[in-house]
Amino acid sequence: MQKFIKRSIDILASSIGLLLLSPILVIVAILVRIKLGSPIFFTQERVGKDGKIFKIIKFRTMLEVADKWGEPLSDKERLTSFGKLLRSTSLDEFPELINVLKGDMSLVGPRPLLVEYIDLYSKEQFRRHEVRPGITGLAQVNGRNTLAWNERFKMDIKYVDNHNLAFDIKILFFTIFKVLKRCGISKDGHATMEKFKGNNK
């Protein structure tokens, strides 16, 4: 019953959110097109519930530029001041409401990570995929991108083992507070956070 209620809330909230935020979405889309060019959206394969692969949808925050050998520059070099603004205000995350509406994601849950990490997880860490990934989650309100990977995974598993509607509401409340304070946007020396390299590295 709780799963049904959670999914119903996700559908209702994402639908209303997309409707109410549509003017902002249009303005951000136009600005992204002017300042960063095409495409407007950034899509990338991520791992969802039960290990299912889906494409996350975000506003693009980086330039498509490469070095003289045709290799993309680092994320830090491609991230513009406008892109940093989108990330610090979490405006780049708004299109993920489409993923929530589709059922790829939930409003609250462990953040969906890269497909390349799948084979690097321990059995316990892989349990983060027992629930739908979220736009925000327990790790996001407890350090976000500044957390070490082992701390992040502990938060994810804690959510999996203890999630309920009251817990979700609490996380959503703290998310608003963290976004307004612009906390934990990036880890020192990285555009967002360092890559996960496995448990022995």
C-alpha atoms as a PDB file:
ATOM      1  CA  MET A   1       0.000   0.000   0.000  1.00  0.00           C
ATOM      2  CA  GLN A   2       2.829   2.369   0.891  1.00  0.00           C
ATOM      3  CA  LYS A   3       4.484   1.757  -2.513  1.00  0.00           C
ATOM      4  CA  PHE A   4       1.195   2.590  -4.251  1.00  0.00           C
ATOM      5  CA  ILE A   5       0.806   5.816  -2.249  1.00  0.00           C
ATOM      6  CA  LYS A   6       4.432   6.819  -2.890  1.00  0.00           C
ATOM      7  CA  ARG A   7       4.047   6.238  -6.634  1.00  0.00           C
ATOM      8  CA  SER A   8       0.740   8.116  -6.696  1.00  0.00           C
ATOM      9  CA  ILE A   9       2.369  11.080  -4.961  1.00  0.00           C
ATOM     10  CA  ASP A  10       5.261  10.964  -7.453  1.00  0.00           C
ATOM     11  CA  ILE A  11       2.873  11.069 -10.410  1.00  0.00           C
ATOM     12  CA  LEU A  12       0.720  13.841  -8.934  1.00  0.00           C
ATOM     13  CA  ALA A  13       3.663  15.968  -7.725  1.00  0.00           C
ATOM     14  CA  SER A  14       5.688  15.637 -10.941  1.00  0.00           C
ATOM     15  CA  SER A  15       2.641  16.462 -13.079  1.00  0.00           C
ATOM     16  CA  ILE A  16       1.787  19.548 -11.028  1.00  0.00           C
ATOM     17  CA  GLY A  17       5.461  20.498 -10.822  1.00  0.00           C
ATOM     18  CA  LEU A  18       5.965  20.348 -14.587  1.00  0.00           C
ATOM     19  CA  LEU A  19       2.818  22.406 -15.114  1.00  0.00           C
ATOM     20  CA  LEU A  20       3.632  25.100 -12.548  1.00  0.00           C
ATOM     21  CA  LEU A  21       7.305  25.254 -13.462  1.00  0.00           C
ATOM     22  CA  SER A  22       6.738  25.297 -17.223  1.00  0.00           C
ATOM     23  CA  PRO A  23       7.436  29.072 -17.545  1.00  0.00           C
ATOM     24  CA  ILE A  24      10.744  28.631 -15.697  1.00  0.00           C
ATOM     25  CA  LEU A  25      11.590  25.557 -17.768  1.00  0.00           C
ATOM     26  CA  VAL A  26      10.998  27.490 -20.982  1.00  0.00           C
ATOM     27  CA  ILE A  27      13.143  30.430 -19.820  1.00  0.00           C
ATOM     28  CA  VAL A  28      15.999  28.153 -18.710  1.00  0.00           C
ATOM     29  CA  ALA A  29      15.785  26.213 -21.990  1.00  0.00           C
ATOM     30  CA  ILE A  30      16.090  29.458 -23.993  1.00  0.00           C
ATOM     31  CA  LEU A  31      19.062  30.601 -21.886  1.00  0.00           C
ATOM     32  CA  VAL A  32      20.806  27.247 -22.276  1.00  0.00           C
ATOM     33  CA  ARG A  33      20.327  27.471 -26.059  1.00  0.00           C
ATOM     34  CA  ILE A  34      21.761  31.013 -26.134  1.00  0.00           C
ATOM     35  CA  LYS A  35      24.679  30.471 -23.764  1.00  0.00           C
ATOM     36  CA  LEU A  36      25.623  26.840 -24.388  1.00  0.00           C
ATOM     37  CA  GLY A  37      24.069  26.014 -27.756  1.00  0.00           C
ATOM     38  CA  SER A  38      22.435  22.738 -28.702  1.00  0.00           C
ATOM     39  CA  PRO A  39      21.377  20.336 -27.399  1.00  0.00           C
ATOM     40  CA  ILE A  40      19.422  21.988 -24.602  1.00  0.00           C
ATOM     41  CA  PHE A  41      19.072  18.797 -22.605  1.00  0.00           C
ATOM     42  CA  PHE A  42      21.757  16.508 -21.238  1.00  0.00           C
ATOM     43  CA  THR A  43      20.769  12.835 -21.302  1.00  0.00           C
ATOM     44  CA  GLN A  44      22.823  10.005 -19.889  1.00  0.00           C
ATOM     45  CA  GLU A  45      22.277   6.361 -19.062  1.00  0.00           C
ATOM     46  CA  ARG A  46      21.909   5.743 -15.343  1.00  0.00           C
ATOM     47  CA  VAL A  47      21.036   2.717 -13.227  1.00  0.00           C
ATOM     48  CA  GLY A  48      17.546   2.570 -11.758  1.00  0.00           C
ATOM     49  CA  LYS A  49      15.475   0.201  -9.645  1.00  0.00           C
ATOM     50  CA  ASP A  50      16.562  -3.441  -9.827  1.00  0.00           C
ATOM     51  CA  GLY A  51      19.509  -2.429 -11.998  1.00  0.00           C
ATOM     52  CA  LYS A  52      17.330  -1.303 -14.914  1.00  0.00           C
ATOM     53  CA  ILE A  53      19.054   1.217 -17.208  1.00  0.00           C
ATOM     54  CA  PHE A  54      17.259   4.441 -18.095  1.00  0.00           C
ATOM     55  CA  LYS A  55      18.179   7.857 -19.519  1.00  0.00           C
ATOM     56  CA  ILE A  56      18.206  10.717 -17.053  1.00  0.00           C
ATOM     57  CA  ILE A  57      17.131  14.123 -18.398  1.00  0.00           C
ATOM     58  CA  LYS A  58      18.747  17.356 -17.183  1.00  0.00           C
ATOM     59  CA  PHE A  59      19.460  20.800 -18.554  1.00  0.00           C
ATOM     60  CA  ARG A  60      22.916  20.953 -20.084  1.00  0.00           C
ATOM     61  CA  THR A  61      25.471  22.859 -18.007  1.00  0.00           C
ATOM     62  CA  MET A  62      28.688  22.268 -19.963  1.00  0.00           C
ATOM     63  CA  LEU A  63      30.155  23.384 -23.259  1.00  0.00           C
ATOM     64  CA  GLU A  64      30.820  20.810 -25.974  1.00  0.00           C
ATOM     65  CA  VAL A  65      34.510  21.581 -26.462  1.00  0.00           C
ATOM     66  CA  ALA A  66      37.520  19.362 -27.124  1.00  0.00           C
ATOM     67  CA  ASP A  67      41.304  19.639 -27.210  1.00  0.00           C
ATOM     68  CA  LYS A  68      43.386  19.625 -30.400  1.00  0.00           C
ATOM     69  CA  TRP A  69      43.267  15.817 -30.481  1.00  0.00           C
ATOM     70  CA  GLY A  70      39.481  15.782 -30.401  1.00  0.00           C
ATOM     71  CA  GLU A  71      39.226  14.607 -26.788  1.00  0.00           C
ATOM     72  CA  PRO A  72      36.629  16.363 -24.602  1.00  0.00           C
ATOM     73  CA  LEU A  73      38.112  18.747 -22.060  1.00  0.00           C
ATOM     74  CA  SER A  74      37.625  17.959 -18.375  1.00  0.00           C
ATOM     75  CA  ASP A  75      34.267  18.664 -16.744  1.00  0.00           C
ATOM     76  CA  LYS A  76      35.851  21.480 -14.755  1.00  0.00           C
ATOM     77  CA  GLU A  77      37.105  23.157 -17.945  1.00  0.00           C
ATOM     78  CA  ARG A  78      33.763  22.785 -19.754  1.00  0.00           C
ATOM     79  CA  LEU A  79      31.600  23.999 -16.870  1.00  0.00           C
ATOM     80  CA  THR A  80      30.725  27.666 -17.410  1.00  0.00           C
ATOM     81  CA  SER A  81      29.652  30.272 -14.847  1.00  0.00           C
ATOM     82  CA  PHE A  82      26.121  29.923 -16.211  1.00  0.00           C
ATOM     83  CA  GLY A  83      26.348  26.159 -15.786  1.00  0.00           C
ATOM     84  CA  LYS A  84      27.568  26.623 -12.212  1.00  0.00           C
ATOM     85  CA  LEU A  85      24.559  28.854 -11.543  1.00  0.00           C
ATOM     86  CA  LEU A  86      22.172  26.200 -12.865  1.00  0.00           C
ATOM     87  CA  ARG A  87      23.798  23.586 -10.654  1.00  0.00           C
ATOM     88  CA  SER A  88      23.999  25.721  -7.529  1.00  0.00           C
ATOM     89  CA  THR A  89      20.284  26.534  -7.790  1.00  0.00           C
ATOM     90  CA  SER A  90      19.450  22.951  -8.894  1.00  0.00           C
ATOM     91  CA  LEU A  91      17.607  24.360 -11.927  1.00  0.00           C
ATOM     92  CA  ASP A  92      19.429  21.801 -14.090  1.00  0.00           C
ATOM     93  CA  GLU A  93      17.610  19.046 -12.174  1.00  0.00           C
ATOM     94  CA  PHE A  94      14.054  20.208 -12.964  1.00  0.00           C
ATOM     95  CA  PRO A  95      13.658  18.106 -16.159  1.00  0.00           C
ATOM     96  CA  GLU A  96      14.113  15.001 -13.989  1.00  0.00           C
ATOM     97  CA  LEU A  97      10.449  15.471 -13.099  1.00  0.00           C
ATOM     98  CA  ILE A  98       9.862  13.869 -16.519  1.00  0.00           C
ATOM     99  CA  ASN A  99      11.788  10.810 -15.303  1.00  0.00           C
ATOM    100  CA  VAL A 100       9.625  10.758 -12.172  1.00  0.00           C
ATOM    101  CA  LEU A 101       6.442  10.936 -14.237  1.00  0.00           C
ATOM    102  CA  LYS A 102       7.671   8.100 -16.474  1.00  0.00           C
ATOM    103  CA  GLY A 103       8.453   5.923 -13.460  1.00  0.00           C
ATOM    104  CA  ASP A 104      12.233   5.846 -13.922  1.00  0.00           C
ATOM    105  CA  MET A 105      12.723   7.842 -10.739  1.00  0.00           C
ATOM    106  CA  SER A 106      10.975   8.971  -7.575  1.00  0.00           C
ATOM    107  CA  LEU A 107      11.028  12.348  -5.865  1.00  0.00           C
ATOM    108  CA  VAL A 108      13.060  10.796  -3.052  1.00  0.00           C
ATOM    109  CA  GLY A 109      15.583   7.967  -3.232  1.00  0.00           C
ATOM    110  CA  PRO A 110      19.287   7.283  -3.784  1.00  0.00           C
ATOM    111  CA  ARG A 111      20.653   9.402  -6.639  1.00  0.00           C
ATOM    112  CA  PRO A 112      20.987   7.382  -9.880  1.00  0.00           C
ATOM    113  CA  LEU A 113      24.653   6.785 -10.701  1.00  0.00           C
ATOM    114  CA  LEU A 114      26.649   5.929 -13.806  1.00  0.00           C
ATOM    115  CA  VAL A 115      26.289   2.565 -15.532  1.00  0.00           C
ATOM    116  CA  GLU A 116      30.060   2.099 -15.412  1.00  0.00           C
ATOM    117  CA  TYR A 117      29.882   1.760 -11.627  1.00  0.00           C
ATOM    118  CA  ILE A 118      27.710  -1.383 -11.631  1.00  0.00           C
ATOM    119  CA  ASP A 119      30.569  -3.892 -11.500  1.00  0.00           C
ATOM    120  CA  LEU A 120      32.392  -1.887  -8.804  1.00  0.00           C
ATOM    121  CA  TYR A 121      29.736  -2.149  -6.084  1.00  0.00           C
ATOM    122  CA  SER A 122      29.884  -4.566  -3.197  1.00  0.00           C
ATOM    123  CA  LYS A 123      26.785  -6.731  -2.700  1.00  0.00           C
ATOM    124  CA  GLU A 124      25.658  -4.405   0.090  1.00  0.00           C
ATOM    125  CA  GLN A 125      26.203  -1.258  -1.989  1.00  0.00           C
ATOM    126  CA  PHE A 126      24.187  -2.703  -4.867  1.00  0.00           C
ATOM    127  CA  ARG A 127      21.165  -2.789  -2.522  1.00  0.00           C
ATOM    128  CA  ARG A 128      20.737   0.923  -3.291  1.00  0.00           C
ATOM    129  CA  HIS A 129      18.876  -0.304  -6.399  1.00  0.00           C
ATOM    130  CA  GLU A 130      16.124  -1.976  -4.373  1.00  0.00           C
ATOM    131  CA  VAL A 131      14.144   1.265  -4.620  1.00  0.00           C
ATOM    132  CA  ARG A 132      13.625   3.823  -7.361  1.00  0.00           C
ATOM    133  CA  PRO A 133      16.393   6.429  -7.524  1.00  0.00           C
ATOM    134  CA  GLY A 134      15.392   9.942  -6.535  1.00  0.00           C
ATOM    135  CA  ILE A 135      15.798  13.569  -7.510  1.00  0.00           C
ATOM    136  CA  THR A 136      16.866  14.047  -3.897  1.00  0.00           C
ATOM    137  CA  GLY A 137      17.759  11.635  -1.151  1.00  0.00           C
ATOM    138  CA  LEU A 138      19.249  11.112   2.283  1.00  0.00           C
ATOM    139  CA  ALA A 139      22.797  11.610   0.994  1.00  0.00           C
ATOM    140  CA  GLN A 140      21.790  14.867  -0.724  1.00  0.00           C
ATOM    141  CA  VAL A 141      20.649  16.437   2.549  1.00  0.00           C
ATOM    142  CA  ASN A 142      23.710  15.171   4.435  1.00  0.00           C
ATOM    143  CA  GLY A 143      26.551  16.516   2.350  1.00  0.00           C
ATOM    144  CA  ARG A 144      25.520  15.926  -1.264  1.00  0.00           C
ATOM    145  CA  ASN A 145      28.609  15.867  -3.511  1.00  0.00           C
ATOM    146  CA  THR A 146      31.046  16.552  -0.664  1.00  0.00           C
ATOM    147  CA  LEU A 147      30.437  13.116   0.874  1.00  0.00           C
ATOM    148  CA  ALA A 148      33.015  10.365   0.505  1.00  0.00           C
ATOM    149  CA  TRP A 149      31.685   7.417  -1.498  1.00  0.00           C
ATOM    150  CA  ASN A 150      31.510   5.050   1.488  1.00  0.00           C
ATOM    151  CA  GLU A 151      29.474   7.631   3.432  1.00  0.00           C
ATOM    152  CA  ARG A 152      27.154   8.152   0.467  1.00  0.00           C
ATOM    153  CA  PHE A 153      26.508   4.422   0.120  1.00  0.00           C
ATOM    154  CA  LYS A 154      25.820   4.084   3.848  1.00  0.00           C
ATOM    155  CA  MET A 155      23.205   6.827   3.533  1.00  0.00           C
ATOM    156  CA  ASP A 156      21.674   5.091   0.503  1.00  0.00           C
ATOM    157  CA  ILE A 157      21.347   1.761   2.321  1.00  0.00           C
ATOM    158  CA  LYS A 158      19.984   3.488   5.412  1.00  0.00           C
ATOM    159  CA  TYR A 159      17.268   4.979   3.201  1.00  0.00           C
ATOM    160  CA  VAL A 160      16.497   1.603   1.594  1.00  0.00           C
ATOM    161  CA  ASP A 161      16.078   0.011   5.026  1.00  0.00           C
ATOM    162  CA  ASN A 162      14.084   2.798   6.653  1.00  0.00           C
ATOM    163  CA  HIS A 163      12.151   4.660   3.955  1.00  0.00           C
ATOM    164  CA  ASN A 164       8.531   5.595   4.509  1.00  0.00           C
ATOM    165  CA  LEU A 165       6.310   8.533   3.576  1.00  0.00           C
ATOM    166  CA  ALA A 166       7.146  10.513   6.721  1.00  0.00           C
ATOM    167  CA  PHE A 167      10.869  10.017   6.059  1.00  0.00           C
ATOM    168  CA  ASP A 168      10.402  11.190   2.445  1.00  0.00           C
ATOM    169  CA  ILE A 169       8.598  14.345   3.567  1.00  0.00           C
ATOM    170  CA  LYS A 170      11.405  15.090   6.023  1.00  0.00           C
ATOM    171  CA  ILE A 171      14.025  14.676   3.267  1.00  0.00           C
ATOM    172  CA  LEU A 172      12.045  16.924   0.891  1.00  0.00           C
ATOM    173  CA  PHE A 173      11.826  19.606   3.588  1.00  0.00           C
ATOM    174  CA  PHE A 174      15.583  19.518   4.223  1.00  0.00           C
ATOM    175  CA  THR A 175      16.231  19.503   0.461  1.00  0.00           C
ATOM    176  CA  ILE A 176      14.498  22.869   0.099  1.00  0.00           C
ATOM    177  CA  PHE A 177      16.664  24.229   2.920  1.00  0.00           C
ATOM    178  CA  LYS A 178      19.873  22.857   1.357  1.00  0.00           C
ATOM    179  CA  VAL A 179      19.019  24.193  -2.120  1.00  0.00           C
ATOM    180  CA  LEU A 180      18.330  27.659  -0.739  1.00  0.00           C
ATOM    181  CA  LYS A 181      21.673  27.579   1.078  1.00  0.00           C
ATOM    182  CA  ARG A 182      23.374  26.080  -2.020  1.00  0.00           C
ATOM    183  CA  CYS A 183      25.154  23.481   0.094  1.00  0.00           C
ATOM    184  CA  GLY A 184      27.417  20.663  -1.133  1.00  0.00           C
ATOM    185  CA  ILE A 185      27.312  21.529  -4.827  1.00  0.00           C
ATOM    186  CA  SER A 186      30.760  20.175  -5.591  1.00  0.00           C
ATOM    187  CA  LYS A 187      33.742  18.501  -3.998  1.00  0.00           C
ATOM    188  CA  ASP A 188      36.997  20.452  -3.914  1.00  0.00           C
ATOM    189  CA  GLY A 189      38.890  20.054  -7.177  1.00  0.00           C
ATOM    190  CA  HIS A 190      35.915  18.604  -9.081  1.00  0.00           C
ATOM    191  CA  ALA A 191      33.048  20.011 -11.151  1.00  0.00           C
ATOM    192  CA  THR A 192      30.697  17.916  -9.031  1.00  0.00           C
ATOM    193  CA  MET A 193      32.361  14.946  -7.331  1.00  0.00           C
ATOM    194  CA  GLU A 194      35.177  12.500  -7.942  1.00  0.00           C
ATOM    195  CA  LYS A 195      34.450   9.277  -9.799  1.00  0.00           C
ATOM    196  CA  PHE A 196      33.822   6.068  -7.893  1.00  0.00           C
ATOM    197  CA  LYS A 197      36.757   3.750  -8.553  1.00  0.00           C
ATOM    198  CA  GLY A 198      35.730   0.778  -6.475  1.00  0.00           C
ATOM    199  CA  ASN A 199      36.159  -0.203  -2.867  1.00  0.00           C
ATOM    200  CA  ASN A 200      39.893  -0.895  -2.977  1.00  0.00           C
ATOM    201  CA  LYS A 201      40.914   2.435  -4.515  1.00  0.00           C
END
